C-alpha atoms as a PDB file:
ATOM      1  CA  MET A   1     -98.206 205.199  66.113  1.00  0.00           C
ATOM      2  CA  ARG A   2     -97.033 201.390  65.801  1.00  0.00           C
ATOM      3  CA  LYS A   3     -93.468 201.073  65.621  1.00  0.00           C
ATOM      4  CA  SER A   4     -92.457 199.400  62.139  1.00  0.00           C
ATOM      5  CA  PRO A   5     -91.861 195.944  62.465  1.00  0.00           C
ATOM      6  CA  SER A   6     -88.229 194.543  61.956  1.00  0.00           C
ATOM      7  CA  VAL A   7     -87.212 192.908  59.088  1.00  0.00           C
ATOM      8  CA  SER A   8     -84.448 189.606  59.147  1.00  0.00           C
ATOM      9  CA  PRO A   9     -82.000 190.732  56.404  1.00  0.00           C
ATOM     10  CA  THR A  10     -80.768 187.297  55.731  1.00  0.00           C
ATOM     11  CA  ALA A  11     -84.323 185.739  55.206  1.00  0.00           C
ATOM     12  CA  ALA A  12     -85.372 184.780  51.551  1.00  0.00           C
ATOM     13  CA  ARG A  13     -88.726 187.122  50.100  1.00  0.00           C
ATOM     14  CA  VAL A  14     -91.745 185.810  51.115  1.00  0.00           C
ATOM     15  CA  SER A  15     -94.198 185.078  48.330  1.00  0.00           C
ATOM     16  CA  ARG A  16     -98.016 186.243  48.218  1.00  0.00           C
ATOM     17  CA  ARG A  17     -98.723 183.186  46.092  1.00  0.00           C
ATOM     18  CA  SER A  18     -97.256 180.713  48.863  1.00  0.00           C
ATOM     19  CA  LEU A  19     -99.893 182.646  50.910  1.00  0.00           C
ATOM     20  CA  LEU A  20    -102.595 181.366  48.685  1.00  0.00           C
ATOM     21  CA  ALA A  21    -101.389 178.048  48.777  1.00  0.00           C
ATOM     22  CA  GLY A  22    -101.660 177.515  52.086  1.00  0.00           C
ATOM     23  CA  GLY A  23    -105.285 177.670  52.653  1.00  0.00           C
ATOM     24  CA  GLY A  24    -106.130 181.336  52.136  1.00  0.00           C
ATOM     25  CA  ALA A  25    -105.507 184.012  49.622  1.00  0.00           C
ATOM     26  CA  THR A  26    -103.922 187.533  49.400  1.00  0.00           C
ATOM     27  CA  LEU A  27    -106.106 190.646  49.022  1.00  0.00           C
ATOM     28  CA  SER A  28    -104.505 194.066  48.601  1.00  0.00           C
ATOM     29  CA  ALA A  29    -105.040 197.453  46.757  1.00  0.00           C
ATOM     30  CA  ALA A  30    -108.116 198.885  44.873  1.00  0.00           C
ATOM     31  CA  ALA A  31    -111.051 198.160  46.684  1.00  0.00           C
ATOM     32  CA  ILE A  32    -110.283 201.508  48.289  1.00  0.00           C
ATOM     33  CA  GLY A  33    -110.733 203.182  45.466  1.00  0.00           C
ATOM     34  CA  LEU A  34    -114.187 202.051  44.798  1.00  0.00           C
ATOM     35  CA  LEU A  35    -115.044 201.407  48.235  1.00  0.00           C
ATOM     36  CA  ALA A  36    -114.290 204.712  49.985  1.00  0.00           C
ATOM     37  CA  GLY A  37    -115.625 205.436  53.367  1.00  0.00           C
ATOM     38  CA  ALA A  38    -117.112 201.914  53.279  1.00  0.00           C
ATOM     39  CA  PRO A  39    -117.397 200.965  56.949  1.00  0.00           C
ATOM     40  CA  SER A  40    -116.359 197.107  55.752  1.00  0.00           C
ATOM     41  CA  LEU A  41    -116.443 195.180  52.473  1.00  0.00           C
ATOM     42  CA  LEU A  42    -119.294 193.650  53.134  1.00  0.00           C
ATOM     43  CA  GLY A  43    -122.444 195.019  50.654  1.00  0.00           C
ATOM     44  CA  ALA A  44    -126.388 194.539  51.192  1.00  0.00           C
ATOM     45  CA  ARG A  45    -125.990 191.002  49.766  1.00  0.00           C
ATOM     46  CA  ALA A  46    -123.995 189.927  52.598  1.00  0.00           C
ATOM     47  CA  ALA A  47    -126.498 187.878  54.221  1.00  0.00           C
ATOM     48  CA  ARG A  48    -126.248 184.825  51.279  1.00  0.00           C
ATOM     49  CA  ALA A  49    -122.634 184.039  52.279  1.00  0.00           C
ATOM     50  CA  SER A  50    -122.288 180.467  52.558  1.00  0.00           C
ATOM     51  CA  ASP A  51    -119.802 180.529  54.789  1.00  0.00           C
ATOM     52  CA  PRO A  52    -118.727 184.040  56.417  1.00  0.00           C
ATOM     53  CA  SER A  53    -116.213 182.243  58.256  1.00  0.00           C
ATOM     54  CA  ALA A  54    -114.279 181.075  55.618  1.00  0.00           C
ATOM     55  CA  ASP A  55    -114.297 184.262  53.873  1.00  0.00           C
ATOM     56  CA  ALA A  56    -112.977 185.889  56.823  1.00  0.00           C
ATOM     57  CA  ARG A  57    -110.317 183.404  56.786  1.00  0.00           C
ATOM     58  CA  ILE A  58    -109.575 184.701  53.217  1.00  0.00           C
ATOM     59  CA  LEU A  59    -109.918 188.140  54.489  1.00  0.00           C
ATOM     60  CA  ASN A  60    -107.309 187.734  57.334  1.00  0.00           C
ATOM     61  CA  THR A  61    -104.764 185.761  54.794  1.00  0.00           C
ATOM     62  CA  ALA A  62    -105.214 189.327  52.501  1.00  0.00           C
ATOM     63  CA  LEU A  63    -104.754 191.403  55.800  1.00  0.00           C
ATOM     64  CA  ALA A  64    -101.654 189.935  57.025  1.00  0.00           C
ATOM     65  CA  ALA A  65    -100.498 190.419  53.383  1.00  0.00           C
ATOM     66  CA  GLU A  66    -101.121 194.038  53.760  1.00  0.00           C
ATOM     67  CA  HIS A  67     -99.044 193.765  56.747  1.00  0.00           C
ATOM     68  CA  GLU A  68     -96.263 192.319  54.691  1.00  0.00           C
ATOM     69  CA  ALA A  69     -96.253 195.016  51.777  1.00  0.00           C
ATOM     70  CA  VAL A  70     -96.725 197.882  54.638  1.00  0.00           C
ATOM     71  CA  ALA A  71     -93.354 196.756  56.134  1.00  0.00           C
ATOM     72  CA  ALA A  72     -91.668 196.135  52.712  1.00  0.00           C
ATOM     73  CA  TYR A  73     -92.638 199.583  51.487  1.00  0.00           C
ATOM     74  CA  GLN A  74     -91.105 200.783  54.883  1.00  0.00           C
ATOM     75  CA  VAL A  75     -87.847 198.795  53.717  1.00  0.00           C
ATOM     76  CA  GLY A  76     -87.767 200.306  50.422  1.00  0.00           C
ATOM     77  CA  ALA A  77     -88.759 203.773  51.999  1.00  0.00           C
ATOM     78  CA  GLU A  78     -85.778 203.719  54.833  1.00  0.00           C
ATOM     79  CA  SER A  79     -83.611 202.005  52.189  1.00  0.00           C
ATOM     80  CA  GLY A  80     -82.049 205.602  51.148  1.00  0.00           C
ATOM     81  CA  LEU A  81     -81.714 204.205  47.668  1.00  0.00           C
ATOM     82  CA  LEU A  82     -84.715 206.022  45.961  1.00  0.00           C
ATOM     83  CA  ALA A  83     -84.912 209.034  44.223  1.00  0.00           C
ATOM     84  CA  LYS A  84     -87.551 211.671  45.145  1.00  0.00           C
ATOM     85  CA  ASP A  85     -90.233 210.614  42.402  1.00  0.00           C
ATOM     86  CA  ALA A  86     -89.617 206.627  43.159  1.00  0.00           C
ATOM     87  CA  LEU A  87     -89.880 207.268  47.044  1.00  0.00           C
ATOM     88  CA  ASP A  88     -92.885 209.082  46.930  1.00  0.00           C
ATOM     89  CA  LEU A  89     -94.427 206.219  44.635  1.00  0.00           C
ATOM     90  CA  ALA A  90     -93.230 203.742  46.877  1.00  0.00           C
ATOM     91  CA  VAL A  91     -94.901 206.298  49.891  1.00  0.00           C
ATOM     92  CA  GLN A  92     -98.357 206.557  47.909  1.00  0.00           C
ATOM     93  CA  PHE A  93     -98.525 202.170  47.024  1.00  0.00           C
ATOM     94  CA  GLN A  94     -97.695 201.833  50.858  1.00  0.00           C
ATOM     95  CA  GLY A  95    -100.593 204.269  51.479  1.00  0.00           C
ATOM     96  CA  HIS A  96    -103.037 201.906  49.636  1.00  0.00           C
ATOM     97  CA  HIS A  97    -102.111 198.569  51.264  1.00  0.00           C
ATOM     98  CA  LYS A  98    -102.289 200.913  54.583  1.00  0.00           C
ATOM     99  CA  GLU A  99    -105.690 201.762  53.288  1.00  0.00           C
ATOM    100  CA  HIS A 100    -106.641 197.920  52.528  1.00  0.00           C
ATOM    101  CA  ALA A 101    -105.143 196.845  55.505  1.00  0.00           C
ATOM    102  CA  GLU A 102    -107.476 198.518  57.170  1.00  0.00           C
ATOM    103  CA  LEU A 103    -110.441 197.812  55.391  1.00  0.00           C
ATOM    104  CA  LEU A 104    -109.551 194.577  55.531  1.00  0.00           C
ATOM    105  CA  ALA A 105    -109.583 194.336  59.583  1.00  0.00           C
ATOM    106  CA  ARG A 106    -113.299 196.158  59.886  1.00  0.00           C
ATOM    107  CA  THR A 107    -114.583 193.323  57.483  1.00  0.00           C
ATOM    108  CA  VAL A 108    -113.185 190.629  59.342  1.00  0.00           C
ATOM    109  CA  ARG A 109    -114.679 191.633  62.861  1.00  0.00           C
ATOM    110  CA  ALA A 110    -118.133 192.441  60.706  1.00  0.00           C
ATOM    111  CA  LEU A 111    -117.728 188.947  59.847  1.00  0.00           C
ATOM    112  CA  GLY A 112    -116.999 188.137  63.634  1.00  0.00           C
ATOM    113  CA  GLY A 113    -113.418 187.301  63.254  1.00  0.00           C
ATOM    114  CA  ALA A 114    -110.063 188.540  64.704  1.00  0.00           C
ATOM    115  CA  PRO A 115    -108.285 190.677  62.373  1.00  0.00           C
ATOM    116  CA  ALA A 116    -104.552 189.443  61.944  1.00  0.00           C
ATOM    117  CA  ASP A 117    -101.858 191.617  63.626  1.00  0.00           C
ATOM    118  CA  PRO A 118     -98.943 192.738  61.687  1.00  0.00           C
ATOM    119  CA  ARG A 119     -95.936 190.236  62.342  1.00  0.00           C
ATOM    120  CA  SER A 120     -92.924 191.812  64.592  1.00  0.00           C
ATOM    121  CA  GLU A 121     -90.345 191.051  61.791  1.00  0.00           C
ATOM    122  CA  TYR A 122     -90.748 189.624  58.029  1.00  0.00           C
ATOM    123  CA  ALA A 123     -88.390 187.719  55.890  1.00  0.00           C
ATOM    124  CA  PHE A 124     -86.892 190.480  52.988  1.00  0.00           C
ATOM    125  CA  PRO A 125     -83.724 189.693  50.939  1.00  0.00           C
ATOM    126  CA  VAL A 126     -82.054 193.300  52.714  1.00  0.00           C
ATOM    127  CA  ASP A 127     -79.142 192.367  51.706  1.00  0.00           C
ATOM    128  CA  GLN A 128     -79.960 192.048  47.950  1.00  0.00           C
ATOM    129  CA  LEU A 129     -81.452 195.286  47.851  1.00  0.00           C
ATOM    130  CA  GLN A 130     -78.081 197.926  46.366  1.00  0.00           C
ATOM    131  CA  SER A 131     -80.034 199.930  44.052  1.00  0.00           C
ATOM    132  CA  GLN A 132     -82.792 201.681  43.127  1.00  0.00           C
ATOM    133  CA  THR A 133     -83.853 199.291  40.547  1.00  0.00           C
ATOM    134  CA  ASP A 134     -83.335 196.309  43.387  1.00  0.00           C
ATOM    135  CA  VAL A 135     -85.851 197.958  45.325  1.00  0.00           C
ATOM    136  CA  LEU A 136     -87.998 198.446  42.321  1.00  0.00           C
ATOM    137  CA  ARG A 137     -87.900 194.763  41.122  1.00  0.00           C
ATOM    138  CA  PHE A 138     -88.568 193.651  44.547  1.00  0.00           C
ATOM    139  CA  ALA A 139     -91.820 195.787  45.090  1.00  0.00           C
ATOM    140  CA  ALA A 140     -92.665 194.854  41.453  1.00  0.00           C
ATOM    141  CA  GLY A 141     -92.377 190.902  41.997  1.00  0.00           C
ATOM    142  CA  LEU A 142     -94.465 191.303  45.522  1.00  0.00           C
ATOM    143  CA  GLU A 143     -97.098 193.313  43.652  1.00  0.00           C
ATOM    144  CA  LYS A 144     -97.430 190.443  40.664  1.00  0.00           C
ATOM    145  CA  GLY A 145     -97.444 187.995  43.454  1.00  0.00           C
ATOM    146  CA  ALA A 146    -100.355 189.937  44.696  1.00  0.00           C
ATOM    147  CA  VAL A 147    -101.827 189.880  41.502  1.00  0.00           C
ATOM    148  CA  SER A 148    -101.608 186.231  41.007  1.00  0.00           C
ATOM    149  CA  ALA A 149    -102.830 185.561  44.866  1.00  0.00           C
ATOM    150  CA  TYR A 150    -105.926 187.645  43.766  1.00  0.00           C
ATOM    151  CA  LEU A 151    -107.128 186.445  41.018  1.00  0.00           C
ATOM    152  CA  GLY A 152    -106.866 183.055  43.147  1.00  0.00           C
ATOM    153  CA  ALA A 153    -108.716 184.346  45.634  1.00  0.00           C
ATOM    154  CA  VAL A 154    -112.227 185.955  43.759  1.00  0.00           C
ATOM    155  CA  PRO A 155    -113.353 182.431  43.332  1.00  0.00           C
ATOM    156  CA  LEU A 156    -113.231 181.154  46.905  1.00  0.00           C
ATOM    157  CA  PHE A 157    -115.420 183.839  48.641  1.00  0.00           C
ATOM    158  CA  GLY A 158    -119.188 182.212  49.156  1.00  0.00           C
ATOM    159  CA  ASN A 159    -119.808 186.444  49.182  1.00  0.00           C
ATOM    160  CA  ARG A 160    -120.042 187.599  46.288  1.00  0.00           C
ATOM    161  CA  ASP A 161    -119.633 191.395  47.591  1.00  0.00           C
ATOM    162  CA  LEU A 162    -116.009 189.869  48.529  1.00  0.00           C
ATOM    163  CA  ALA A 163    -115.388 188.260  45.446  1.00  0.00           C
ATOM    164  CA  LYS A 164    -116.256 191.812  43.576  1.00  0.00           C
ATOM    165  CA  ALA A 165    -113.728 193.720  45.957  1.00  0.00           C
ATOM    166  CA  ALA A 166    -110.828 191.083  45.550  1.00  0.00           C
ATOM    167  CA  ALA A 167    -111.559 191.554  41.628  1.00  0.00           C
ATOM    168  CA  SER A 168    -111.302 195.600  42.127  1.00  0.00           C
ATOM    169  CA  ILE A 169    -108.111 195.019  44.116  1.00  0.00           C
ATOM    170  CA  LEU A 170    -106.518 192.675  41.710  1.00  0.00           C
ATOM    171  CA  GLY A 171    -106.816 195.499  39.137  1.00  0.00           C
ATOM    172  CA  ASP A 172    -104.749 198.204  41.763  1.00  0.00           C
ATOM    173  CA  GLU A 173    -102.186 195.520  42.148  1.00  0.00           C
ATOM    174  CA  ALA A 174    -101.858 195.308  38.575  1.00  0.00           C
ATOM    175  CA  MET A 175    -101.435 198.670  37.947  1.00  0.00           C
ATOM    176  CA  HIS A 176     -99.118 199.179  40.962  1.00  0.00           C
ATOM    177  CA  TRP A 177     -97.045 196.059  38.821  1.00  0.00           C
ATOM    178  CA  SER A 178     -97.634 198.110  35.525  1.00  0.00           C
ATOM    179  CA  VAL A 179     -95.769 201.380  36.859  1.00  0.00           C
ATOM    180  CA  LEU A 180     -93.337 199.881  38.722  1.00  0.00           C
ATOM    181  CA  ARG A 181     -92.426 197.774  35.417  1.00  0.00           C
ATOM    182  CA  TYR A 182     -92.967 200.922  33.223  1.00  0.00           C
ATOM    183  CA  ILE A 183     -90.169 202.634  35.871  1.00  0.00           C
ATOM    184  CA  LEU A 184     -88.036 199.876  35.289  1.00  0.00           C
ATOM    185  CA  GLY A 185     -87.972 200.644  31.962  1.00  0.00           C
ATOM    186  CA  GLU A 186     -89.528 197.464  31.343  1.00  0.00           C
ATOM    187  CA  ASN A 187     -92.785 196.627  29.133  1.00  0.00           C
ATOM    188  CA  PRO A 188     -95.910 197.443  31.534  1.00  0.00           C
ATOM    189  CA  VAL A 189     -98.050 195.233  30.160  1.00  0.00           C
ATOM    190  CA  PRO A 190     -96.111 192.589  28.854  1.00  0.00           C
ATOM    191  CA  VAL A 191     -99.011 189.598  28.183  1.00  0.00           C
ATOM    192  CA  ALA A 192    -102.504 190.047  27.464  1.00  0.00           C
ATOM    193  CA  PHE A 193    -103.597 187.837  30.618  1.00  0.00           C
ATOM    194  CA  VAL A 194    -102.435 187.542  33.846  1.00  0.00           C
ATOM    195  CA  SER A 195    -101.637 184.266  36.126  1.00  0.00           C
END
């Protein structure tokens, strides 16, 4: 069993959107539902991908973000600040991210790449998490960032099957964000379009 990464209590939150700006894109939570049991995200049309190494780099950036999300939900789960219902939801969402990480790693390997490993330490605003509301707002912010990153990633893939999978994952991230907003007493769908 892999040891949970440590978290720096003083560093600022890492934005998934910043990962997209750094040359990759982030993937994260719904393809599992659509692709459950698939050995990788590659479908029958994989051969038409124009640059599998570019797609692997995007997926690897997404994989790194999935590892980050797993670690973030672990921080929330171990904080002692979540009531049972909120803790159950956090663990469920963390499970989605773990499943995505496994699927992304298999797909990166299938494309000939080496999957990104989780970092030993992440920079989360642990000192700012003083209540359940703080933890849920932190998680909602990460999920909103994932939505934006997937939105940017979809058109970048040479392989259209990967673009389709990223779009389905975007939908799941949007559901996570919406549910967290609802629990926080906020409008779960505040706008007609996401960016």
